[in-house]
Amino acid sequence: MPTYIVLADWTEQGMAAIDESPSRLDDARDLAESLGGEFREFYMTMGDHDMVAMMEMPDDDAMAKMALALGRSGNVTTETLKAFAEDEYRDVMSNLP
């Protein structure tokens, strides 16, 4: 399954109800599973972004649905990066035209 790195930031609405954040994370895990994916790792971070998640999703369509659903909640904004594992990276590099 493709891997995605999701950078997330709390919105003003999300910060106003910050005590609900762990429950919202649980809901996001359930959503990922309902779309055929899963959270591999999750971190609260300090710096440019508030949270980072590594996710596996079946395809770009499922990941787009996940990101849009998270954004629609109004509690976070997200930036999604498609990631290539080392073996995938090596395959790409070995097949350059």
PDB file of N, CA and C in Angstrom:
ATOM      1  N   MET A   1       0.841  -1.186   0.000  1.00  0.00           N
ATOM      2  CA  MET A   1       0.000   0.000   0.000  1.00  0.00           C
ATOM      3  C   MET A   1       0.878   1.237   0.000  1.00  0.00           C
ATOM      4  N   PRO A   2       0.462   2.273  -0.718  1.00  0.00           N
ATOM      5  CA  PRO A   2       1.229   3.519  -0.705  1.00  0.00           C
ATOM      6  C   PRO A   2       1.303   4.136   0.694  1.00  0.00           C
ATOM      7  N   THR A   3       2.408   4.799   0.948  1.00  0.00           N
ATOM      8  CA  THR A   3       2.623   5.486   2.217  1.00  0.00           C
ATOM      9  C   THR A   3       2.479   6.984   2.009  1.00  0.00           C
ATOM     10  N   TYR A   4       1.882   7.644   2.988  1.00  0.00           N
ATOM     11  CA  TYR A   4       1.688   9.082   2.944  1.00  0.00           C
ATOM     12  C   TYR A   4       2.135   9.680   4.269  1.00  0.00           C
ATOM     13  N   ILE A   5       2.762  10.839   4.198  1.00  0.00           N
ATOM     14  CA  ILE A   5       3.107  11.605   5.390  1.00  0.00           C
ATOM     15  C   ILE A   5       2.127  12.767   5.436  1.00  0.00           C
ATOM     16  N   VAL A   6       1.432  12.902   6.549  1.00  0.00           N
ATOM     17  CA  VAL A   6       0.441  13.970   6.690  1.00  0.00           C
ATOM     18  C   VAL A   6       0.936  14.941   7.754  1.00  0.00           C
ATOM     19  N   LEU A   7       1.092  16.196   7.347  1.00  0.00           N
ATOM     20  CA  LEU A   7       1.457  17.272   8.262  1.00  0.00           C
ATOM     21  C   LEU A   7       0.162  17.981   8.617  1.00  0.00           C
ATOM     22  N   ALA A   8      -0.125  18.120   9.900  1.00  0.00           N
ATOM     23  CA  ALA A   8      -1.396  18.708  10.322  1.00  0.00           C
ATOM     24  C   ALA A   8      -1.167  19.843  11.314  1.00  0.00           C
ATOM     25  N   ASP A   9      -2.066  20.803  11.258  1.00  0.00           N
ATOM     26  CA  ASP A   9      -2.029  21.949  12.166  1.00  0.00           C
ATOM     27  C   ASP A   9      -3.426  22.184  12.720  1.00  0.00           C
ATOM     28  N   TRP A  10      -3.498  22.453  14.017  1.00  0.00           N
ATOM     29  CA  TRP A  10      -4.780  22.790  14.614  1.00  0.00           C
ATOM     30  C   TRP A  10      -5.248  24.136  14.085  1.00  0.00           C
ATOM     31  N   THR A  11      -6.526  24.238  13.836  1.00  0.00           N
ATOM     32  CA  THR A  11      -7.140  25.511  13.488  1.00  0.00           C
ATOM     33  C   THR A  11      -7.558  26.200  14.788  1.00  0.00           C
ATOM     34  N   GLU A  12      -8.074  27.390  14.664  1.00  0.00           N
ATOM     35  CA  GLU A  12      -8.588  28.091  15.842  1.00  0.00           C
ATOM     36  C   GLU A  12      -9.707  27.274  16.488  1.00  0.00           C
ATOM     37  N   GLN A  13     -10.564  26.689  15.671  1.00  0.00           N
ATOM     38  CA  GLN A  13     -11.644  25.841  16.184  1.00  0.00           C
ATOM     39  C   GLN A  13     -11.080  24.617  16.905  1.00  0.00           C
ATOM     40  N   GLY A  14     -10.062  24.002  16.313  1.00  0.00           N
ATOM     41  CA  GLY A  14      -9.443  22.831  16.931  1.00  0.00           C
ATOM     42  C   GLY A  14      -8.788  23.160  18.255  1.00  0.00           C
ATOM     43  N   MET A  15      -8.157  24.328  18.334  1.00  0.00           N
ATOM     44  CA  MET A  15      -7.525  24.750  19.584  1.00  0.00           C
ATOM     45  C   MET A  15      -8.563  25.068  20.660  1.00  0.00           C
ATOM     46  N   ALA A  16      -9.708  25.622  20.258  1.00  0.00           N
ATOM     47  CA  ALA A  16     -10.748  25.963  21.232  1.00  0.00           C
ATOM     48  C   ALA A  16     -11.292  24.713  21.923  1.00  0.00           C
ATOM     49  N   ALA A  17     -11.206  23.575  21.231  1.00  0.00           N
ATOM     50  CA  ALA A  17     -11.682  22.310  21.804  1.00  0.00           C
ATOM     51  C   ALA A  17     -10.526  21.314  21.859  1.00  0.00           C
ATOM     52  N   ILE A  18      -9.351  21.783  22.278  1.00  0.00           N
ATOM     53  CA  ILE A  18      -8.141  20.963  22.254  1.00  0.00           C
ATOM     54  C   ILE A  18      -8.266  19.710  23.105  1.00  0.00           C
ATOM     55  N   ASP A  19      -9.055  19.778  24.179  1.00  0.00           N
ATOM     56  CA  ASP A  19      -9.215  18.605  25.043  1.00  0.00           C
ATOM     57  C   ASP A  19      -9.900  17.447  24.311  1.00  0.00           C
ATOM     58  N   GLU A  20     -10.555  17.724  23.186  1.00  0.00           N
ATOM     59  CA  GLU A  20     -11.196  16.674  22.392  1.00  0.00           C
ATOM     60  C   GLU A  20     -10.244  16.072  21.353  1.00  0.00           C
ATOM     61  N   SER A  21      -9.032  16.585  21.257  1.00  0.00           N
ATOM     62  CA  SER A  21      -8.099  16.144  20.225  1.00  0.00           C
ATOM     63  C   SER A  21      -7.810  14.645  20.266  1.00  0.00           C
ATOM     64  N   PRO A  22      -7.572  14.032  21.445  1.00  0.00           N
ATOM     65  CA  PRO A  22      -7.332  12.583  21.431  1.00  0.00           C
ATOM     66  C   PRO A  22      -8.513  11.789  20.867  1.00  0.00           C
ATOM     67  N   SER A  23      -9.715  12.223  21.169  1.00  0.00           N
ATOM     68  CA  SER A  23     -10.906  11.557  20.633  1.00  0.00           C
ATOM     69  C   SER A  23     -10.995  11.748  19.120  1.00  0.00           C
ATOM     70  N   ARG A  24     -10.633  12.937  18.646  1.00  0.00           N
ATOM     71  CA  ARG A  24     -10.645  13.184  17.203  1.00  0.00           C
ATOM     72  C   ARG A  24      -9.594  12.328  16.501  1.00  0.00           C
ATOM     73  N   LEU A  25      -8.453  12.106  17.141  1.00  0.00           N
ATOM     74  CA  LEU A  25      -7.443  11.214  16.575  1.00  0.00           C
ATOM     75  C   LEU A  25      -8.000   9.800  16.448  1.00  0.00           C
ATOM     76  N   ASP A  26      -8.699   9.336  17.472  1.00  0.00           N
ATOM     77  CA  ASP A  26      -9.325   8.008  17.404  1.00  0.00           C
ATOM     78  C   ASP A  26     -10.312   7.936  16.243  1.00  0.00           C
ATOM     79  N   ASP A  27     -11.095   8.998  16.059  1.00  0.00           N
ATOM     80  CA  ASP A  27     -12.048   9.045  14.946  1.00  0.00           C
ATOM     81  C   ASP A  27     -11.320   9.014  13.604  1.00  0.00           C
ATOM     82  N   ALA A  28     -10.193   9.705  13.517  1.00  0.00           N
ATOM     83  CA  ALA A  28      -9.412   9.714  12.282  1.00  0.00           C
ATOM     84  C   ALA A  28      -8.851   8.319  11.990  1.00  0.00           C
ATOM     85  N   ARG A  29      -8.431   7.616  13.031  1.00  0.00           N
ATOM     86  CA  ARG A  29      -7.965   6.235  12.842  1.00  0.00           C
ATOM     87  C   ARG A  29      -9.088   5.363  12.287  1.00  0.00           C
ATOM     88  N   ASP A  30     -10.288   5.528  12.863  1.00  0.00           N
ATOM     89  CA  ASP A  30     -11.443   4.757  12.394  1.00  0.00           C
ATOM     90  C   ASP A  30     -11.761   5.089  10.939  1.00  0.00           C
ATOM     91  N   LEU A  31     -11.682   6.379  10.585  1.00  0.00           N
ATOM     92  CA  LEU A  31     -11.941   6.791   9.208  1.00  0.00           C
ATOM     93  C   LEU A  31     -10.939   6.148   8.259  1.00  0.00           C
ATOM     94  N   ALA A  32      -9.654   6.181   8.629  1.00  0.00           N
ATOM     95  CA  ALA A  32      -8.623   5.567   7.783  1.00  0.00           C
ATOM     96  C   ALA A  32      -8.931   4.087   7.564  1.00  0.00           C
ATOM     97  N   GLU A  33      -9.304   3.401   8.630  1.00  0.00           N
ATOM     98  CA  GLU A  33      -9.627   1.972   8.515  1.00  0.00           C
ATOM     99  C   GLU A  33     -10.835   1.755   7.617  1.00  0.00           C
ATOM    100  N   SER A  34     -11.842   2.637   7.714  1.00  0.00           N
ATOM    101  CA  SER A  34     -13.037   2.483   6.877  1.00  0.00           C
ATOM    102  C   SER A  34     -12.714   2.691   5.399  1.00  0.00           C
ATOM    103  N   LEU A  35     -11.636   3.404   5.114  1.00  0.00           N
ATOM    104  CA  LEU A  35     -11.194   3.636   3.741  1.00  0.00           C
ATOM    105  C   LEU A  35     -10.153   2.614   3.300  1.00  0.00           C
ATOM    106  N   GLY A  36      -9.890   1.612   4.142  1.00  0.00           N
ATOM    107  CA  GLY A  36      -8.949   0.550   3.798  1.00  0.00           C
ATOM    108  C   GLY A  36      -7.511   0.833   4.170  1.00  0.00           C
ATOM    109  N   GLY A  37      -7.281   1.864   4.988  1.00  0.00           N
ATOM    110  CA  GLY A  37      -5.919   2.234   5.354  1.00  0.00           C
ATOM    111  C   GLY A  37      -5.679   2.147   6.840  1.00  0.00           C
ATOM    112  N   GLU A  38      -4.532   2.691   7.253  1.00  0.00           N
ATOM    113  CA  GLU A  38      -4.220   2.719   8.681  1.00  0.00           C
ATOM    114  C   GLU A  38      -3.142   3.743   8.987  1.00  0.00           C
ATOM    115  N   PHE A  39      -3.197   4.236  10.209  1.00  0.00           N
ATOM    116  CA  PHE A  39      -2.130   5.080  10.729  1.00  0.00           C
ATOM    117  C   PHE A  39      -0.985   4.153  11.110  1.00  0.00           C
ATOM    118  N   ARG A  40       0.218   4.406  10.611  1.00  0.00           N
ATOM    119  CA  ARG A  40       1.388   3.617  11.002  1.00  0.00           C
ATOM    120  C   ARG A  40       2.074   4.264  12.201  1.00  0.00           C
ATOM    121  N   GLU A  41       2.167   5.597  12.177  1.00  0.00           N
ATOM    122  CA  GLU A  41       2.793   6.336  13.277  1.00  0.00           C
ATOM    123  C   GLU A  41       2.108   7.692  13.395  1.00  0.00           C
ATOM    124  N   PHE A  42       2.106   8.219  14.616  1.00  0.00           N
ATOM    125  CA  PHE A  42       1.540   9.538  14.859  1.00  0.00           C
ATOM    126  C   PHE A  42       2.413  10.246  15.884  1.00  0.00           C
ATOM    127  N   TYR A  43       2.677  11.531  15.640  1.00  0.00           N
ATOM    128  CA  TYR A  43       3.465  12.330  16.571  1.00  0.00           C
ATOM    129  C   TYR A  43       2.847  13.714  16.716  1.00  0.00           C
ATOM    130  N   MET A  44       2.795  14.228  17.923  1.00  0.00           N
ATOM    131  CA  MET A  44       2.572  15.646  18.130  1.00  0.00           C
ATOM    132  C   MET A  44       3.964  16.264  18.031  1.00  0.00           C
ATOM    133  N   THR A  45       4.067  17.379  17.332  1.00  0.00           N
ATOM    134  CA  THR A  45       5.395  17.942  17.074  1.00  0.00           C
ATOM    135  C   THR A  45       5.475  19.404  17.491  1.00  0.00           C
ATOM    136  N   MET A  46       6.682  19.868  17.617  1.00  0.00           N
ATOM    137  CA  MET A  46       6.959  21.271  17.905  1.00  0.00           C
ATOM    138  C   MET A  46       7.701  21.826  16.704  1.00  0.00           C
ATOM    139  N   GLY A  47       7.307  22.977  16.244  1.00  0.00           N
ATOM    140  CA  GLY A  47       7.948  23.560  15.075  1.00  0.00           C
ATOM    141  C   GLY A  47       6.901  24.085  14.118  1.00  0.00           C
ATOM    142  N   ASP A  48       7.112  23.873  12.831  1.00  0.00           N
ATOM    143  CA  ASP A  48       6.225  24.427  11.819  1.00  0.00           C
ATOM    144  C   ASP A  48       4.853  23.759  11.776  1.00  0.00           C
ATOM    145  N   HIS A  49       4.765  22.520  12.257  1.00  0.00           N
ATOM    146  CA  HIS A  49       3.489  21.788  12.225  1.00  0.00           C
ATOM    147  C   HIS A  49       3.195  21.221  13.607  1.00  0.00           C
ATOM    148  N   ASP A  50       1.910  21.035  13.878  1.00  0.00           N
ATOM    149  CA  ASP A  50       1.486  20.545  15.191  1.00  0.00           C
ATOM    150  C   ASP A  50       1.513  19.028  15.304  1.00  0.00           C
ATOM    151  N   MET A  51       1.286  18.341  14.187  1.00  0.00           N
ATOM    152  CA  MET A  51       1.225  16.879  14.203  1.00  0.00           C
ATOM    153  C   MET A  51       1.786  16.321  12.900  1.00  0.00           C
ATOM    154  N   VAL A  52       2.319  15.114  12.977  1.00  0.00           N
ATOM    155  CA  VAL A  52       2.792  14.392  11.803  1.00  0.00           C
ATOM    156  C   VAL A  52       2.288  12.963  11.924  1.00  0.00           C
ATOM    157  N   ALA A  53       1.721  12.466  10.834  1.00  0.00           N
ATOM    158  CA  ALA A  53       1.266  11.072  10.809  1.00  0.00           C
ATOM    159  C   ALA A  53       1.837  10.388   9.581  1.00  0.00           C
ATOM    160  N   MET A  54       2.214   9.129   9.745  1.00  0.00           N
ATOM    161  CA  MET A  54       2.591   8.282   8.617  1.00  0.00           C
ATOM    162  C   MET A  54       1.434   7.324   8.445  1.00  0.00           C
ATOM    163  N   MET A  55       0.886   7.312   7.237  1.00  0.00           N
ATOM    164  CA  MET A  55      -0.283   6.503   6.965  1.00  0.00           C
ATOM    165  C   MET A  55      -0.052   5.628   5.751  1.00  0.00           C
ATOM    166  N   GLU A  56      -0.719   4.502   5.736  1.00  0.00           N
ATOM    167  CA  GLU A  56      -0.801   3.681   4.533  1.00  0.00           C
ATOM    168  C   GLU A  56      -2.256   3.697   4.107  1.00  0.00           C
ATOM    169  N   MET A  57      -2.468   4.009   2.845  1.00  0.00           N
ATOM    170  CA  MET A  57      -3.815   4.029   2.277  1.00  0.00           C
ATOM    171  C   MET A  57      -3.786   3.244   0.974  1.00  0.00           C
ATOM    172  N   PRO A  58      -4.927   2.695   0.557  1.00  0.00           N
ATOM    173  CA  PRO A  58      -4.937   1.867  -0.655  1.00  0.00           C
ATOM    174  C   PRO A  58      -4.483   2.596  -1.911  1.00  0.00           C
ATOM    175  N   ASP A  59      -4.813   3.896  -2.011  1.00  0.00           N
ATOM    176  CA  ASP A  59      -4.463   4.644  -3.215  1.00  0.00           C
ATOM    177  C   ASP A  59      -4.646   6.141  -2.957  1.00  0.00           C
ATOM    178  N   ASP A  60      -4.307   6.942  -3.967  1.00  0.00           N
ATOM    179  CA  ASP A  60      -4.412   8.396  -3.837  1.00  0.00           C
ATOM    180  C   ASP A  60      -5.853   8.841  -3.600  1.00  0.00           C
ATOM    181  N   ASP A  61      -6.810   8.154  -4.210  1.00  0.00           N
ATOM    182  CA  ASP A  61      -8.215   8.500  -4.036  1.00  0.00           C
ATOM    183  C   ASP A  61      -8.634   8.370  -2.571  1.00  0.00           C
ATOM    184  N   ALA A  62      -8.258   7.273  -1.940  1.00  0.00           N
ATOM    185  CA  ALA A  62      -8.594   7.068  -0.522  1.00  0.00           C
ATOM    186  C   ALA A  62      -7.907   8.112   0.346  1.00  0.00           C
ATOM    187  N   MET A  63      -6.660   8.446   0.031  1.00  0.00           N
ATOM    188  CA  MET A  63      -5.946   9.452   0.820  1.00  0.00           C
ATOM    189  C   MET A  63      -6.579  10.817   0.643  1.00  0.00           C
ATOM    190  N   ALA A  64      -7.000  11.141  -0.570  1.00  0.00           N
ATOM    191  CA  ALA A  64      -7.668  12.423  -0.810  1.00  0.00           C
ATOM    192  C   ALA A  64      -8.958  12.510  -0.009  1.00  0.00           C
ATOM    193  N   LYS A  65      -9.722  11.435   0.022  1.00  0.00           N
ATOM    194  CA  LYS A  65     -10.959  11.412   0.813  1.00  0.00           C
ATOM    195  C   LYS A  65     -10.651  11.609   2.291  1.00  0.00           C
ATOM    196  N   MET A  66      -9.597  10.977   2.751  1.00  0.00           N
ATOM    197  CA  MET A  66      -9.192  11.112   4.155  1.00  0.00           C
ATOM    198  C   MET A  66      -8.844  12.566   4.470  1.00  0.00           C
ATOM    199  N   ALA A  67      -8.002  13.169   3.651  1.00  0.00           N
ATOM    200  CA  ALA A  67      -7.566  14.545   3.890  1.00  0.00           C
ATOM    201  C   ALA A  67      -8.739  15.515   3.816  1.00  0.00           C
ATOM    202  N   LEU A  68      -9.625  15.314   2.854  1.00  0.00           N
ATOM    203  CA  LEU A  68     -10.781  16.203   2.730  1.00  0.00           C
ATOM    204  C   LEU A  68     -11.724  16.067   3.917  1.00  0.00           C
ATOM    205  N   ALA A  69     -11.925  14.847   4.379  1.00  0.00           N
ATOM    206  CA  ALA A  69     -12.793  14.640   5.543  1.00  0.00           C
ATOM    207  C   ALA A  69     -12.194  15.286   6.785  1.00  0.00           C
ATOM    208  N   LEU A  70     -10.873  15.166   6.957  1.00  0.00           N
ATOM    209  CA  LEU A  70     -10.224  15.813   8.099  1.00  0.00           C
ATOM    210  C   LEU A  70     -10.374  17.326   8.015  1.00  0.00           C
ATOM    211  N   GLY A  71     -10.159  17.883   6.835  1.00  0.00           N
ATOM    212  CA  GLY A  71     -10.287  19.319   6.655  1.00  0.00           C
ATOM    213  C   GLY A  71     -11.714  19.807   6.859  1.00  0.00           C
ATOM    214  N   ARG A  72     -12.670  19.014   6.405  1.00  0.00           N
ATOM    215  CA  ARG A  72     -14.076  19.392   6.539  1.00  0.00           C
ATOM    216  C   ARG A  72     -14.494  19.510   7.999  1.00  0.00           C
ATOM    217  N   SER A  73     -13.823  18.788   8.872  1.00  0.00           N
ATOM    218  CA  SER A  73     -14.171  18.848  10.296  1.00  0.00           C
ATOM    219  C   SER A  73     -13.924  20.239  10.874  1.00  0.00           C
ATOM    220  N   GLY A  74     -12.994  20.975  10.257  1.00  0.00           N
ATOM    221  CA  GLY A  74     -12.691  22.324  10.715  1.00  0.00           C
ATOM    222  C   GLY A  74     -11.699  22.398  11.861  1.00  0.00           C
ATOM    223  N   ASN A  75     -11.215  21.255  12.350  1.00  0.00           N
ATOM    224  CA  ASN A  75     -10.309  21.240  13.495  1.00  0.00           C
ATOM    225  C   ASN A  75      -8.838  21.260  13.115  1.00  0.00           C
ATOM    226  N   VAL A  76      -8.537  20.831  11.893  1.00  0.00           N
ATOM    227  CA  VAL A  76      -7.147  20.800  11.432  1.00  0.00           C
ATOM    228  C   VAL A  76      -7.078  21.176   9.962  1.00  0.00           C
ATOM    229  N   THR A  77      -5.912  21.637   9.575  1.00  0.00           N
ATOM    230  CA  THR A  77      -5.561  21.738   8.165  1.00  0.00           C
ATOM    231  C   THR A  77      -4.464  20.705   7.930  1.00  0.00           C
ATOM    232  N   THR A  78      -4.382  20.193   6.715  1.00  0.00           N
ATOM    233  CA  THR A  78      -3.392  19.151   6.431  1.00  0.00           C
ATOM    234  C   THR A  78      -2.611  19.458   5.171  1.00  0.00           C
ATOM    235  N   GLU A  79      -1.427  18.886   5.121  1.00  0.00           N
ATOM    236  CA  GLU A  79      -0.595  18.865   3.921  1.00  0.00           C
ATOM    237  C   GLU A  79      -0.145  17.424   3.780  1.00  0.00           C
ATOM    238  N   THR A  80      -0.379  16.841   2.619  1.00  0.00           N
ATOM    239  CA  THR A  80      -0.100  15.428   2.410  1.00  0.00           C
ATOM    240  C   THR A  80       1.064  15.245   1.452  1.00  0.00           C
ATOM    241  N   LEU A  81       1.994  14.385   1.828  1.00  0.00           N
ATOM    242  CA  LEU A  81       3.145  14.047   0.996  1.00  0.00           C
ATOM    243  C   LEU A  81       3.089  12.559   0.678  1.00  0.00           C
ATOM    244  N   LYS A  82       3.182  12.208  -0.579  1.00  0.00           N
ATOM    245  CA  LYS A  82       3.279  10.793  -0.931  1.00  0.00           C
ATOM    246  C   LYS A  82       4.729  10.379  -0.724  1.00  0.00           C
ATOM    247  N   ALA A  83       4.927   9.281  -0.035  1.00  0.00           N
ATOM    248  CA  ALA A  83       6.280   8.852   0.320  1.00  0.00           C
ATOM    249  C   ALA A  83       6.632   7.546  -0.384  1.00  0.00           C
ATOM    250  N   PHE A  84       7.911   7.416  -0.715  1.00  0.00           N
ATOM    251  CA  PHE A  84       8.419   6.206  -1.339  1.00  0.00           C
ATOM    252  C   PHE A  84       9.410   5.559  -0.379  1.00  0.00           C
ATOM    253  N   ALA A  85       9.165   4.317  -0.017  1.00  0.00           N
ATOM    254  CA  ALA A  85      10.084   3.575   0.848  1.00  0.00           C
ATOM    255  C   ALA A  85      11.412   3.379   0.114  1.00  0.00           C
ATOM    256  N   GLU A  86      12.434   2.999   0.856  1.00  0.00           N
ATOM    257  CA  GLU A  86      13.756   2.890   0.246  1.00  0.00           C
ATOM    258  C   GLU A  86      13.764   1.936  -0.946  1.00  0.00           C
ATOM    259  N   ASP A  87      13.103   0.807  -0.844  1.00  0.00           N
ATOM    260  CA  ASP A  87      13.100  -0.123  -1.977  1.00  0.00           C
ATOM    261  C   ASP A  87      12.384   0.478  -3.187  1.00  0.00           C
ATOM    262  N   GLU A  88      11.315   1.230  -2.958  1.00  0.00           N
ATOM    263  CA  GLU A  88      10.617   1.898  -4.054  1.00  0.00           C
ATOM    264  C   GLU A  88      11.504   2.980  -4.661  1.00  0.00           C
ATOM    265  N   TYR A  89      12.171   3.733  -3.807  1.00  0.00           N
ATOM    266  CA  TYR A  89      13.117   4.769  -4.256  1.00  0.00           C
ATOM    267  C   TYR A  89      14.191   4.138  -5.143  1.00  0.00           C
ATOM    268  N   ARG A  90      14.776   3.044  -4.683  1.00  0.00           N
ATOM    269  CA  ARG A  90      15.839   2.394  -5.455  1.00  0.00           C
ATOM    270  C   ARG A  90      15.331   1.891  -6.805  1.00  0.00           C
ATOM    271  N   ASP A  91      14.090   1.406  -6.825  1.00  0.00           N
ATOM    272  CA  ASP A  91      13.497   0.955  -8.084  1.00  0.00           C
ATOM    273  C   ASP A  91      13.327   2.125  -9.044  1.00  0.00           C
ATOM    274  N   VAL A  92      12.830   3.244  -8.554  1.00  0.00           N
ATOM    275  CA  VAL A  92      12.680   4.439  -9.391  1.00  0.00           C
ATOM    276  C   VAL A  92      14.036   4.859  -9.939  1.00  0.00           C
ATOM    277  N   MET A  93      15.031   4.918  -9.083  1.00  0.00           N
ATOM    278  CA  MET A  93      16.358   5.368  -9.495  1.00  0.00           C
ATOM    279  C   MET A  93      16.976   4.431 -10.530  1.00  0.00           C
ATOM    280  N   SER A  94      16.727   3.143 -10.388  1.00  0.00           N
ATOM    281  CA  SER A  94      17.348   2.186 -11.302  1.00  0.00           C
ATOM    282  C   SER A  94      16.670   2.160 -12.671  1.00  0.00           C
ATOM    283  N   ASN A  95      15.504   2.781 -12.764  1.00  0.00           N
ATOM    284  CA  ASN A  95      14.765   2.754 -14.023  1.00  0.00           C
ATOM    285  C   ASN A  95      14.625   4.144 -14.659  1.00  0.00           C
ATOM    286  N   LEU A  96      15.542   5.039 -14.306  1.00  0.00           N
ATOM    287  CA  LEU A  96      15.498   6.370 -14.918  1.00  0.00           C
ATOM    288  C   LEU A  96      15.780   6.252 -16.424  1.00  0.00           C
ATOM    289  N   PRO A  97      15.081   7.055 -17.230  1.00  0.00           N
ATOM    290  CA  PRO A  97      15.333   6.996 -18.690  1.00  0.00           C
ATOM    291  C   PRO A  97      16.704   7.564 -19.037  1.00  0.00           C
TER     292      PRO A  97
END
